[in-house]
Amino acid sequence: LSSFLTVCNRLEDISLAFMVSSHKLFMELLHDEEKKILMEQMRKSSATVNLSAKQLPSFYDIPASASVNISQLEQQLILSLDPRHIRQFLIELHGMAERPFWRVNSKWEVPVDYVNVILAIKDNLTRDLVYILMAKGLHCISIKDFTHARQLFTACLELVTEFSPKLRQVMLNELLLMEVRGHEAGAAEGNMERPPPDLVSRVRGYMVLFLFIYLVIYVVFMLNWRENEYLTLQVPQSLVNSNPYIKLGQLISSTCKELPGPKESRRTAKELWEVVVQICSVSS
């Protein structure tokens, strides 16, 4: 630790000081008071420091300087998974140039259904922040990093709750979907513990959603954990009639339940086959 502090104290290039002070190692090794003292020493030792006139709250206590190169900040923005740092990098970037920084990384993607809603946000900084937090969260889910995904989505939810009921609902949906995928990933690795009742209850409440892909995933989740009674008897009939995948889930649940007699079994099997044919015909 002493060697690390010595290196920090000897930094004279503000861009290097910025990268070191925003590094995960720096944030974890030092207590808040130590970080404040060290950053003040780094500021004094650098001849190129030009502090921003706008004072930032301690929540974003990262050295700020207009002399930091935009490309370096963009690189930090791409690499960071900390919502606080992402916001701080965007504040710095928007202070240097007014352009859509959500386009910095071509791999940042959100569902098409969300893009227009996000891009309609009038404030440029807020628009970039919402888009990037969501895109990074979705990427974390794709690589099964559910801890960072939860942090990113939670920060995004807190942000959009202030101004957009629609985006708030979107983030609640995404958080639930993340919990479902996280539990399914654990089951795939051998953890056969049933999902908590709260998660099952939330899935039931979210069966009627505006994104089709959600419905499919939630039906599969309910089937995997044998929520047959709910799928058979409690799913809204309008939803069953309008979506063959949900109808398929209902019929599979019915088949898995004890049926009163062979006539009912044959009818369910026939309906099940008809839905499979319908889905395969649409897919082809």
C-alpha atoms as a PDB file:
ATOM      1  CA  LEU A   1       0.000   0.000   0.000  1.00  0.00           C
ATOM      2  CA  SER A   2       2.834   2.412   0.842  1.00  0.00           C
ATOM      3  CA  SER A   3       4.415   1.816  -2.582  1.00  0.00           C
ATOM      4  CA  PHE A   4       1.075   2.498  -4.244  1.00  0.00           C
ATOM      5  CA  LEU A   5       0.689   5.766  -2.337  1.00  0.00           C
ATOM      6  CA  THR A   6       4.220   6.786  -3.299  1.00  0.00           C
ATOM      7  CA  VAL A   7       3.466   6.234  -6.989  1.00  0.00           C
ATOM      8  CA  CYS A   8       0.280   8.285  -6.726  1.00  0.00           C
ATOM      9  CA  ASN A   9       2.085  11.141  -4.999  1.00  0.00           C
ATOM     10  CA  ARG A  10       4.718  11.311  -7.730  1.00  0.00           C
ATOM     11  CA  LEU A  11       2.290  11.521 -10.635  1.00  0.00           C
ATOM     12  CA  GLU A  12       2.699  14.779 -12.531  1.00  0.00           C
ATOM     13  CA  ASP A  13       0.523  14.028 -15.545  1.00  0.00           C
ATOM     14  CA  ILE A  14      -3.123  14.776 -14.737  1.00  0.00           C
ATOM     15  CA  SER A  15      -4.374  12.201 -17.255  1.00  0.00           C
ATOM     16  CA  LEU A  16      -2.418   9.485 -15.434  1.00  0.00           C
ATOM     17  CA  ALA A  17      -3.616  10.799 -12.103  1.00  0.00           C
ATOM     18  CA  PHE A  18      -7.211  10.651 -13.357  1.00  0.00           C
ATOM     19  CA  MET A  19      -6.881   7.034 -14.511  1.00  0.00           C
ATOM     20  CA  VAL A  20      -5.189   5.904 -11.292  1.00  0.00           C
ATOM     21  CA  SER A  21      -7.700   7.651  -9.042  1.00  0.00           C
ATOM     22  CA  SER A  22     -10.655   6.127 -10.906  1.00  0.00           C
ATOM     23  CA  HIS A  23      -9.174   2.623 -10.889  1.00  0.00           C
ATOM     24  CA  LYS A  24     -10.904  -0.118  -8.912  1.00  0.00           C
ATOM     25  CA  LEU A  25      -7.717  -0.741  -6.894  1.00  0.00           C
ATOM     26  CA  PHE A  26      -7.612   2.893  -5.768  1.00  0.00           C
ATOM     27  CA  MET A  27     -11.283   2.831  -4.746  1.00  0.00           C
ATOM     28  CA  GLU A  28     -10.941  -0.414  -2.752  1.00  0.00           C
ATOM     29  CA  LEU A  29      -7.590   0.114  -1.014  1.00  0.00           C
ATOM     30  CA  LEU A  30      -8.207   3.523   0.483  1.00  0.00           C
ATOM     31  CA  HIS A  31     -10.713   4.863   2.958  1.00  0.00           C
ATOM     32  CA  ASP A  32     -12.704   7.951   1.976  1.00  0.00           C
ATOM     33  CA  GLU A  33     -10.544  10.301   4.050  1.00  0.00           C
ATOM     34  CA  GLU A  34      -7.342   8.825   2.620  1.00  0.00           C
ATOM     35  CA  LYS A  35      -8.671   9.258  -0.905  1.00  0.00           C
ATOM     36  CA  LYS A  36      -9.496  12.917  -0.277  1.00  0.00           C
ATOM     37  CA  ILE A  37      -6.050  13.666   1.171  1.00  0.00           C
ATOM     38  CA  LEU A  38      -4.220  11.818  -1.589  1.00  0.00           C
ATOM     39  CA  MET A  39      -6.209  13.428  -4.393  1.00  0.00           C
ATOM     40  CA  GLU A  40      -5.495  16.863  -2.931  1.00  0.00           C
ATOM     41  CA  GLN A  41      -1.786  16.047  -2.893  1.00  0.00           C
ATOM     42  CA  MET A  42      -1.977  14.835  -6.494  1.00  0.00           C
ATOM     43  CA  ARG A  43      -3.700  18.046  -7.530  1.00  0.00           C
ATOM     44  CA  LYS A  44      -1.004  20.192  -5.908  1.00  0.00           C
ATOM     45  CA  SER A  45       1.857  18.185  -7.415  1.00  0.00           C
ATOM     46  CA  SER A  46       0.551  18.490 -10.972  1.00  0.00           C
ATOM     47  CA  ALA A  47       1.478  21.576 -12.944  1.00  0.00           C
ATOM     48  CA  THR A  48      -1.212  20.908 -15.536  1.00  0.00           C
ATOM     49  CA  VAL A  49      -4.223  20.586 -13.272  1.00  0.00           C
ATOM     50  CA  ASN A  50      -7.121  22.838 -14.221  1.00  0.00           C
ATOM     51  CA  LEU A  51      -9.994  22.109 -11.898  1.00  0.00           C
ATOM     52  CA  SER A  52     -13.520  22.458 -13.168  1.00  0.00           C
ATOM     53  CA  ALA A  53     -15.293  25.544 -11.862  1.00  0.00           C
ATOM     54  CA  LYS A  54     -18.394  23.503 -11.087  1.00  0.00           C
ATOM     55  CA  GLN A  55     -18.097  21.764  -7.733  1.00  0.00           C
ATOM     56  CA  LEU A  56     -19.317  18.181  -7.733  1.00  0.00           C
ATOM     57  CA  PRO A  57     -20.815  16.420  -4.721  1.00  0.00           C
ATOM     58  CA  SER A  58     -18.641  13.955  -2.793  1.00  0.00           C
ATOM     59  CA  PHE A  59     -20.701  11.151  -4.339  1.00  0.00           C
ATOM     60  CA  TYR A  60     -18.733  11.826  -7.520  1.00  0.00           C
ATOM     61  CA  ASP A  61     -15.423  12.591  -5.817  1.00  0.00           C
ATOM     62  CA  ILE A  62     -13.161  11.899  -8.783  1.00  0.00           C
ATOM     63  CA  PRO A  63     -10.574  14.459  -9.983  1.00  0.00           C
ATOM     64  CA  ALA A  64     -12.032  16.630 -12.743  1.00  0.00           C
ATOM     65  CA  SER A  65      -9.986  18.552 -15.315  1.00  0.00           C
ATOM     66  CA  ALA A  66     -10.690  20.104 -18.686  1.00  0.00           C
ATOM     67  CA  SER A  67      -7.193  19.086 -19.771  1.00  0.00           C
ATOM     68  CA  VAL A  68      -8.063  15.395 -19.795  1.00  0.00           C
ATOM     69  CA  ASN A  69      -8.246  14.184 -23.369  1.00  0.00           C
ATOM     70  CA  ILE A  70     -11.716  13.244 -24.630  1.00  0.00           C
ATOM     71  CA  SER A  71     -10.509   9.941 -26.042  1.00  0.00           C
ATOM     72  CA  GLN A  72      -9.114   8.945 -22.639  1.00  0.00           C
ATOM     73  CA  LEU A  73     -12.421   9.738 -20.979  1.00  0.00           C
ATOM     74  CA  GLU A  74     -14.289   7.791 -23.643  1.00  0.00           C
ATOM     75  CA  GLN A  75     -12.038   4.797 -22.999  1.00  0.00           C
ATOM     76  CA  GLN A  76     -12.794   5.013 -19.284  1.00  0.00           C
ATOM     77  CA  LEU A  77     -16.492   5.301 -20.108  1.00  0.00           C
ATOM     78  CA  ILE A  78     -16.334   2.125 -22.190  1.00  0.00           C
ATOM     79  CA  LEU A  79     -14.505   0.123 -19.508  1.00  0.00           C
ATOM     80  CA  SER A  80     -16.362   1.250 -16.382  1.00  0.00           C
ATOM     81  CA  LEU A  81     -19.193  -0.737 -14.795  1.00  0.00           C
ATOM     82  CA  ASP A  82     -19.638   1.633 -11.848  1.00  0.00           C
ATOM     83  CA  PRO A  83     -22.759   3.812 -12.347  1.00  0.00           C
ATOM     84  CA  ARG A  84     -21.188   6.687 -10.377  1.00  0.00           C
ATOM     85  CA  HIS A  85     -18.086   6.729 -12.557  1.00  0.00           C
ATOM     86  CA  ILE A  86     -20.119   6.407 -15.745  1.00  0.00           C
ATOM     87  CA  ARG A  87     -22.117   9.474 -14.758  1.00  0.00           C
ATOM     88  CA  GLN A  88     -18.979  11.399 -13.841  1.00  0.00           C
ATOM     89  CA  PHE A  89     -17.262  10.561 -17.149  1.00  0.00           C
ATOM     90  CA  LEU A  90     -20.336  11.772 -19.031  1.00  0.00           C
ATOM     91  CA  ILE A  91     -20.415  15.024 -17.050  1.00  0.00           C
ATOM     92  CA  GLU A  92     -16.780  15.604 -18.008  1.00  0.00           C
ATOM     93  CA  LEU A  93     -17.360  14.694 -21.658  1.00  0.00           C
ATOM     94  CA  HIS A  94     -20.393  16.941 -22.030  1.00  0.00           C
ATOM     95  CA  GLY A  95     -18.328  19.760 -20.578  1.00  0.00           C
ATOM     96  CA  MET A  96     -15.837  19.336 -23.428  1.00  0.00           C
ATOM     97  CA  ALA A  97     -18.046  18.522 -26.403  1.00  0.00           C
ATOM     98  CA  GLU A  98     -21.763  18.346 -27.144  1.00  0.00           C
ATOM     99  CA  ARG A  99     -22.342  15.143 -29.054  1.00  0.00           C
ATOM    100  CA  PRO A 100     -24.173  11.809 -28.545  1.00  0.00           C
ATOM    101  CA  PHE A 101     -21.760   9.805 -26.398  1.00  0.00           C
ATOM    102  CA  TRP A 102     -24.107   6.822 -26.337  1.00  0.00           C
ATOM    103  CA  ARG A 103     -22.609   6.096 -29.758  1.00  0.00           C
ATOM    104  CA  VAL A 104     -19.032   5.811 -28.452  1.00  0.00           C
ATOM    105  CA  ASN A 105     -19.178   2.014 -28.476  1.00  0.00           C
ATOM    106  CA  SER A 106     -20.965   0.288 -31.355  1.00  0.00           C
ATOM    107  CA  LYS A 107     -21.505  -2.761 -29.119  1.00  0.00           C
ATOM    108  CA  TRP A 108     -23.810  -0.835 -26.789  1.00  0.00           C
ATOM    109  CA  GLU A 109     -27.242  -2.067 -27.798  1.00  0.00           C
ATOM    110  CA  VAL A 110     -30.731  -1.861 -26.315  1.00  0.00           C
ATOM    111  CA  PRO A 111     -33.952  -3.441 -27.658  1.00  0.00           C
ATOM    112  CA  VAL A 112     -35.481  -1.599 -30.607  1.00  0.00           C
ATOM    113  CA  ASP A 113     -38.669  -1.108 -28.583  1.00  0.00           C
ATOM    114  CA  TYR A 114     -36.737   1.067 -26.120  1.00  0.00           C
ATOM    115  CA  VAL A 115     -34.548   3.112 -28.457  1.00  0.00           C
ATOM    116  CA  ASN A 116     -37.130   5.710 -29.493  1.00  0.00           C
ATOM    117  CA  VAL A 117     -38.281   6.218 -25.903  1.00  0.00           C
ATOM    118  CA  ILE A 118     -34.719   6.811 -24.702  1.00  0.00           C
ATOM    119  CA  LEU A 119     -33.715   9.032 -27.616  1.00  0.00           C
ATOM    120  CA  ALA A 120     -36.794  11.182 -26.981  1.00  0.00           C
ATOM    121  CA  ILE A 121     -35.268  12.342 -23.672  1.00  0.00           C
ATOM    122  CA  LYS A 122     -34.580  16.051 -24.156  1.00  0.00           C
ATOM    123  CA  ASP A 123     -31.560  16.437 -21.890  1.00  0.00           C
ATOM    124  CA  ASN A 124     -28.496  15.132 -23.743  1.00  0.00           C
ATOM    125  CA  LEU A 125     -26.587  14.044 -20.647  1.00  0.00           C
ATOM    126  CA  THR A 126     -29.575  12.175 -19.220  1.00  0.00           C
ATOM    127  CA  ARG A 127     -30.247  10.515 -22.576  1.00  0.00           C
ATOM    128  CA  ASP A 128     -26.659   9.268 -22.825  1.00  0.00           C
ATOM    129  CA  LEU A 129     -26.666   8.071 -19.229  1.00  0.00           C
ATOM    130  CA  VAL A 130     -29.930   6.109 -19.506  1.00  0.00           C
ATOM    131  CA  TYR A 131     -28.886   4.472 -22.783  1.00  0.00           C
ATOM    132  CA  ILE A 132     -25.408   3.500 -21.552  1.00  0.00           C
ATOM    133  CA  LEU A 133     -26.567   2.183 -18.166  1.00  0.00           C
ATOM    134  CA  MET A 134     -29.163  -0.008 -19.856  1.00  0.00           C
ATOM    135  CA  ALA A 135     -26.804  -1.213 -22.597  1.00  0.00           C
ATOM    136  CA  LYS A 136     -24.072  -2.095 -20.108  1.00  0.00           C
ATOM    137  CA  GLY A 137     -26.589  -3.868 -17.867  1.00  0.00           C
ATOM    138  CA  LEU A 138     -27.870  -5.970 -20.761  1.00  0.00           C
ATOM    139  CA  HIS A 139     -24.306  -6.862 -21.726  1.00  0.00           C
ATOM    140  CA  CYS A 140     -23.573  -7.957 -18.149  1.00  0.00           C
ATOM    141  CA  ILE A 141     -26.617 -10.233 -18.241  1.00  0.00           C
ATOM    142  CA  SER A 142     -25.404 -11.770 -21.513  1.00  0.00           C
ATOM    143  CA  ILE A 143     -22.112 -12.748 -19.831  1.00  0.00           C
ATOM    144  CA  LYS A 144     -23.913 -13.778 -16.612  1.00  0.00           C
ATOM    145  CA  ASP A 145     -22.440 -10.960 -14.525  1.00  0.00           C
ATOM    146  CA  PHE A 146     -25.660 -10.441 -12.610  1.00  0.00           C
ATOM    147  CA  THR A 147     -24.074  -8.440  -9.778  1.00  0.00           C
ATOM    148  CA  HIS A 148     -22.997  -5.577 -12.043  1.00  0.00           C
ATOM    149  CA  ALA A 149     -26.212  -5.856 -14.063  1.00  0.00           C
ATOM    150  CA  ARG A 150     -28.244  -5.299 -10.903  1.00  0.00           C
ATOM    151  CA  GLN A 151     -26.161  -2.244  -9.951  1.00  0.00           C
ATOM    152  CA  LEU A 152     -26.485  -0.697 -13.417  1.00  0.00           C
ATOM    153  CA  PHE A 153     -30.223  -1.355 -13.723  1.00  0.00           C
ATOM    154  CA  THR A 154     -30.912  -0.099 -10.192  1.00  0.00           C
ATOM    155  CA  ALA A 155     -29.067   3.151 -10.923  1.00  0.00           C
ATOM    156  CA  CYS A 156     -30.997   3.534 -14.177  1.00  0.00           C
ATOM    157  CA  LEU A 157     -34.297   2.899 -12.380  1.00  0.00           C
ATOM    158  CA  GLU A 158     -33.514   5.589  -9.805  1.00  0.00           C
ATOM    159  CA  LEU A 159     -32.708   8.029 -12.598  1.00  0.00           C
ATOM    160  CA  VAL A 160     -35.760   7.485 -14.824  1.00  0.00           C
ATOM    161  CA  THR A 161     -38.214   7.330 -11.907  1.00  0.00           C
ATOM    162  CA  GLU A 162     -37.779  11.098 -11.597  1.00  0.00           C
ATOM    163  CA  PHE A 163     -39.174  11.944 -15.033  1.00  0.00           C
ATOM    164  CA  SER A 164     -40.564   8.981 -17.019  1.00  0.00           C
ATOM    165  CA  PRO A 165     -43.218   6.511 -15.791  1.00  0.00           C
ATOM    166  CA  LYS A 166     -42.809   4.545 -19.031  1.00  0.00           C
ATOM    167  CA  LEU A 167     -39.055   4.103 -18.623  1.00  0.00           C
ATOM    168  CA  ARG A 168     -39.586   3.283 -14.955  1.00  0.00           C
ATOM    169  CA  GLN A 169     -41.814   0.402 -16.018  1.00  0.00           C
ATOM    170  CA  VAL A 170     -39.211  -0.672 -18.571  1.00  0.00           C
ATOM    171  CA  MET A 171     -36.524  -0.854 -15.891  1.00  0.00           C
ATOM    172  CA  LEU A 172     -38.788  -2.745 -13.485  1.00  0.00           C
ATOM    173  CA  ASN A 173     -39.383  -5.242 -16.291  1.00  0.00           C
ATOM    174  CA  GLU A 174     -35.659  -5.549 -16.993  1.00  0.00           C
ATOM    175  CA  LEU A 175     -34.821  -6.030 -13.316  1.00  0.00           C
ATOM    176  CA  LEU A 176     -37.376  -8.820 -13.044  1.00  0.00           C
ATOM    177  CA  LEU A 177     -36.117 -10.459 -16.222  1.00  0.00           C
ATOM    178  CA  MET A 178     -32.574 -10.278 -14.835  1.00  0.00           C
ATOM    179  CA  GLU A 179     -33.683 -12.019 -11.617  1.00  0.00           C
ATOM    180  CA  VAL A 180     -35.362 -14.766 -13.659  1.00  0.00           C
ATOM    181  CA  ARG A 181     -32.289 -15.301 -15.832  1.00  0.00           C
ATOM    182  CA  GLY A 182     -30.024 -15.242 -12.798  1.00  0.00           C
ATOM    183  CA  HIS A 183     -32.054 -17.952 -11.095  1.00  0.00           C
ATOM    184  CA  GLU A 184     -32.182 -20.045 -14.268  1.00  0.00           C
ATOM    185  CA  ALA A 185     -28.407 -19.690 -14.685  1.00  0.00           C
ATOM    186  CA  GLY A 186     -27.961 -20.984 -11.144  1.00  0.00           C
ATOM    187  CA  ALA A 187     -30.239 -23.939 -11.881  1.00  0.00           C
ATOM    188  CA  ALA A 188     -28.201 -24.763 -14.994  1.00  0.00           C
ATOM    189  CA  GLU A 189     -25.108 -24.955 -12.781  1.00  0.00           C
ATOM    190  CA  GLY A 190     -26.757 -27.425 -10.419  1.00  0.00           C
ATOM    191  CA  ASN A 191     -28.506 -25.175  -7.900  1.00  0.00           C
ATOM    192  CA  MET A 192     -31.980 -26.717  -7.829  1.00  0.00           C
ATOM    193  CA  GLU A 193     -33.326 -24.550  -5.022  1.00  0.00           C
ATOM    194  CA  ARG A 194     -36.787 -23.286  -5.899  1.00  0.00           C
ATOM    195  CA  PRO A 195     -37.099 -19.587  -6.688  1.00  0.00           C
ATOM    196  CA  PRO A 196     -38.281 -17.470  -3.753  1.00  0.00           C
ATOM    197  CA  PRO A 197     -42.066 -16.971  -3.543  1.00  0.00           C
ATOM    198  CA  ASP A 198     -41.601 -13.244  -4.142  1.00  0.00           C
ATOM    199  CA  LEU A 199     -39.964 -13.899  -7.525  1.00  0.00           C
ATOM    200  CA  VAL A 200     -42.713 -16.299  -8.631  1.00  0.00           C
ATOM    201  CA  SER A 201     -45.354 -13.803  -7.498  1.00  0.00           C
ATOM    202  CA  ARG A 202     -43.727 -10.983  -9.466  1.00  0.00           C
ATOM    203  CA  VAL A 203     -43.534 -13.131 -12.594  1.00  0.00           C
ATOM    204  CA  ARG A 204     -47.254 -13.876 -12.285  1.00  0.00           C
ATOM    205  CA  GLY A 205     -48.004 -10.190 -11.972  1.00  0.00           C
ATOM    206  CA  TYR A 206     -45.916  -9.336 -15.033  1.00  0.00           C
ATOM    207  CA  MET A 207     -47.379 -11.911 -17.418  1.00  0.00           C
ATOM    208  CA  VAL A 208     -49.256  -9.141 -19.244  1.00  0.00           C
ATOM    209  CA  LEU A 209     -46.411  -7.129 -20.762  1.00  0.00           C
ATOM    210  CA  PHE A 210     -45.856  -5.158 -23.934  1.00  0.00           C
ATOM    211  CA  LEU A 211     -42.730  -7.041 -25.073  1.00  0.00           C
ATOM    212  CA  PHE A 212     -43.416 -10.432 -26.617  1.00  0.00           C
ATOM    213  CA  ILE A 213     -40.024 -11.891 -25.699  1.00  0.00           C
ATOM    214  CA  TYR A 214     -40.785 -11.336 -22.005  1.00  0.00           C
ATOM    215  CA  LEU A 215     -43.890 -13.465 -22.211  1.00  0.00           C
ATOM    216  CA  VAL A 216     -41.988 -16.373 -23.725  1.00  0.00           C
ATOM    217  CA  ILE A 217     -39.234 -16.243 -21.087  1.00  0.00           C
ATOM    218  CA  TYR A 218     -41.698 -15.969 -18.215  1.00  0.00           C
ATOM    219  CA  VAL A 219     -43.753 -18.916 -19.486  1.00  0.00           C
ATOM    220  CA  VAL A 220     -40.605 -21.044 -19.722  1.00  0.00           C
ATOM    221  CA  PHE A 221     -39.651 -19.987 -16.188  1.00  0.00           C
ATOM    222  CA  MET A 222     -43.073 -20.993 -14.846  1.00  0.00           C
ATOM    223  CA  LEU A 223     -42.905 -24.336 -16.675  1.00  0.00           C
ATOM    224  CA  ASN A 224     -39.428 -25.085 -15.359  1.00  0.00           C
ATOM    225  CA  TRP A 225     -40.612 -24.620 -11.792  1.00  0.00           C
ATOM    226  CA  ARG A 226     -43.909 -26.485 -12.310  1.00  0.00           C
ATOM    227  CA  GLU A 227     -46.275 -23.599 -11.754  1.00  0.00           C
ATOM    228  CA  ASN A 228     -48.815 -25.719 -13.632  1.00  0.00           C
ATOM    229  CA  GLU A 229     -51.909 -24.658 -11.757  1.00  0.00           C
ATOM    230  CA  TYR A 230     -51.264 -20.989 -12.474  1.00  0.00           C
ATOM    231  CA  LEU A 231     -50.550 -21.545 -16.177  1.00  0.00           C
ATOM    232  CA  THR A 232     -53.543 -23.846 -16.565  1.00  0.00           C
ATOM    233  CA  LEU A 233     -56.177 -21.900 -14.660  1.00  0.00           C
ATOM    234  CA  GLN A 234     -55.083 -18.322 -13.965  1.00  0.00           C
ATOM    235  CA  VAL A 235     -53.410 -16.855 -17.069  1.00  0.00           C
ATOM    236  CA  PRO A 236     -55.794 -14.287 -18.646  1.00  0.00           C
ATOM    237  CA  GLN A 237     -57.730 -15.959 -21.460  1.00  0.00           C
ATOM    238  CA  SER A 238     -57.228 -12.970 -23.760  1.00  0.00           C
ATOM    239  CA  LEU A 239     -53.482 -13.493 -23.467  1.00  0.00           C
ATOM    240  CA  VAL A 240     -53.800 -17.214 -24.160  1.00  0.00           C
ATOM    241  CA  ASN A 241     -55.932 -16.606 -27.260  1.00  0.00           C
ATOM    242  CA  SER A 242     -53.596 -13.975 -28.694  1.00  0.00           C
ATOM    243  CA  ASN A 243     -50.271 -15.742 -28.170  1.00  0.00           C
ATOM    244  CA  PRO A 244     -49.587 -19.317 -29.337  1.00  0.00           C
ATOM    245  CA  TYR A 245     -46.489 -19.618 -27.147  1.00  0.00           C
ATOM    246  CA  ILE A 246     -48.514 -18.895 -24.033  1.00  0.00           C
ATOM    247  CA  LYS A 247     -51.178 -21.309 -25.262  1.00  0.00           C
ATOM    248  CA  LEU A 248     -48.430 -23.911 -25.668  1.00  0.00           C
ATOM    249  CA  GLY A 249     -47.261 -23.303 -22.111  1.00  0.00           C
ATOM    250  CA  GLN A 250     -50.820 -23.674 -20.848  1.00  0.00           C
ATOM    251  CA  LEU A 251     -51.322 -26.946 -22.716  1.00  0.00           C
ATOM    252  CA  ILE A 252     -48.025 -28.378 -21.495  1.00  0.00           C
ATOM    253  CA  SER A 253     -49.072 -27.474 -17.955  1.00  0.00           C
ATOM    254  CA  SER A 254     -52.447 -29.137 -18.491  1.00  0.00           C
ATOM    255  CA  THR A 255     -50.729 -32.256 -19.781  1.00  0.00           C
ATOM    256  CA  CYS A 256     -48.453 -32.335 -16.743  1.00  0.00           C
ATOM    257  CA  LYS A 257     -51.405 -32.124 -14.366  1.00  0.00           C
ATOM    258  CA  GLU A 258     -53.502 -35.113 -13.469  1.00  0.00           C
ATOM    259  CA  LEU A 259     -56.420 -35.274 -15.919  1.00  0.00           C
ATOM    260  CA  PRO A 260     -59.760 -36.899 -15.045  1.00  0.00           C
ATOM    261  CA  GLY A 261     -59.971 -39.350 -17.958  1.00  0.00           C
ATOM    262  CA  PRO A 262     -58.648 -40.517 -21.346  1.00  0.00           C
ATOM    263  CA  LYS A 263     -61.104 -38.354 -23.330  1.00  0.00           C
ATOM    264  CA  GLU A 264     -59.753 -35.178 -21.715  1.00  0.00           C
ATOM    265  CA  SER A 265     -56.193 -36.394 -22.233  1.00  0.00           C
ATOM    266  CA  ARG A 266     -56.782 -36.956 -25.945  1.00  0.00           C
ATOM    267  CA  ARG A 267     -58.348 -33.522 -26.344  1.00  0.00           C
ATOM    268  CA  THR A 268     -55.405 -31.813 -24.635  1.00  0.00           C
ATOM    269  CA  ALA A 269     -52.899 -33.796 -26.709  1.00  0.00           C
ATOM    270  CA  LYS A 270     -54.705 -32.807 -29.931  1.00  0.00           C
ATOM    271  CA  GLU A 271     -54.788 -29.117 -28.968  1.00  0.00           C
ATOM    272  CA  LEU A 272     -51.137 -29.293 -27.956  1.00  0.00           C
ATOM    273  CA  TRP A 273     -50.164 -30.691 -31.341  1.00  0.00           C
ATOM    274  CA  GLU A 274     -52.210 -28.041 -33.180  1.00  0.00           C
ATOM    275  CA  VAL A 275     -50.396 -25.256 -31.335  1.00  0.00           C
ATOM    276  CA  VAL A 276     -46.991 -26.813 -32.110  1.00  0.00           C
ATOM    277  CA  VAL A 277     -47.960 -26.905 -35.798  1.00  0.00           C
ATOM    278  CA  GLN A 278     -49.098 -23.267 -35.630  1.00  0.00           C
ATOM    279  CA  ILE A 279     -45.829 -22.105 -34.048  1.00  0.00           C
ATOM    280  CA  CYS A 280     -43.674 -24.070 -36.479  1.00  0.00           C
ATOM    281  CA  SER A 281     -45.663 -22.705 -39.419  1.00  0.00           C
ATOM    282  CA  VAL A 282     -45.171 -19.111 -38.235  1.00  0.00           C
ATOM    283  CA  SER A 283     -41.471 -19.694 -37.524  1.00  0.00           C
ATOM    284  CA  SER A 284     -40.808 -21.076 -40.981  1.00  0.00           C
END
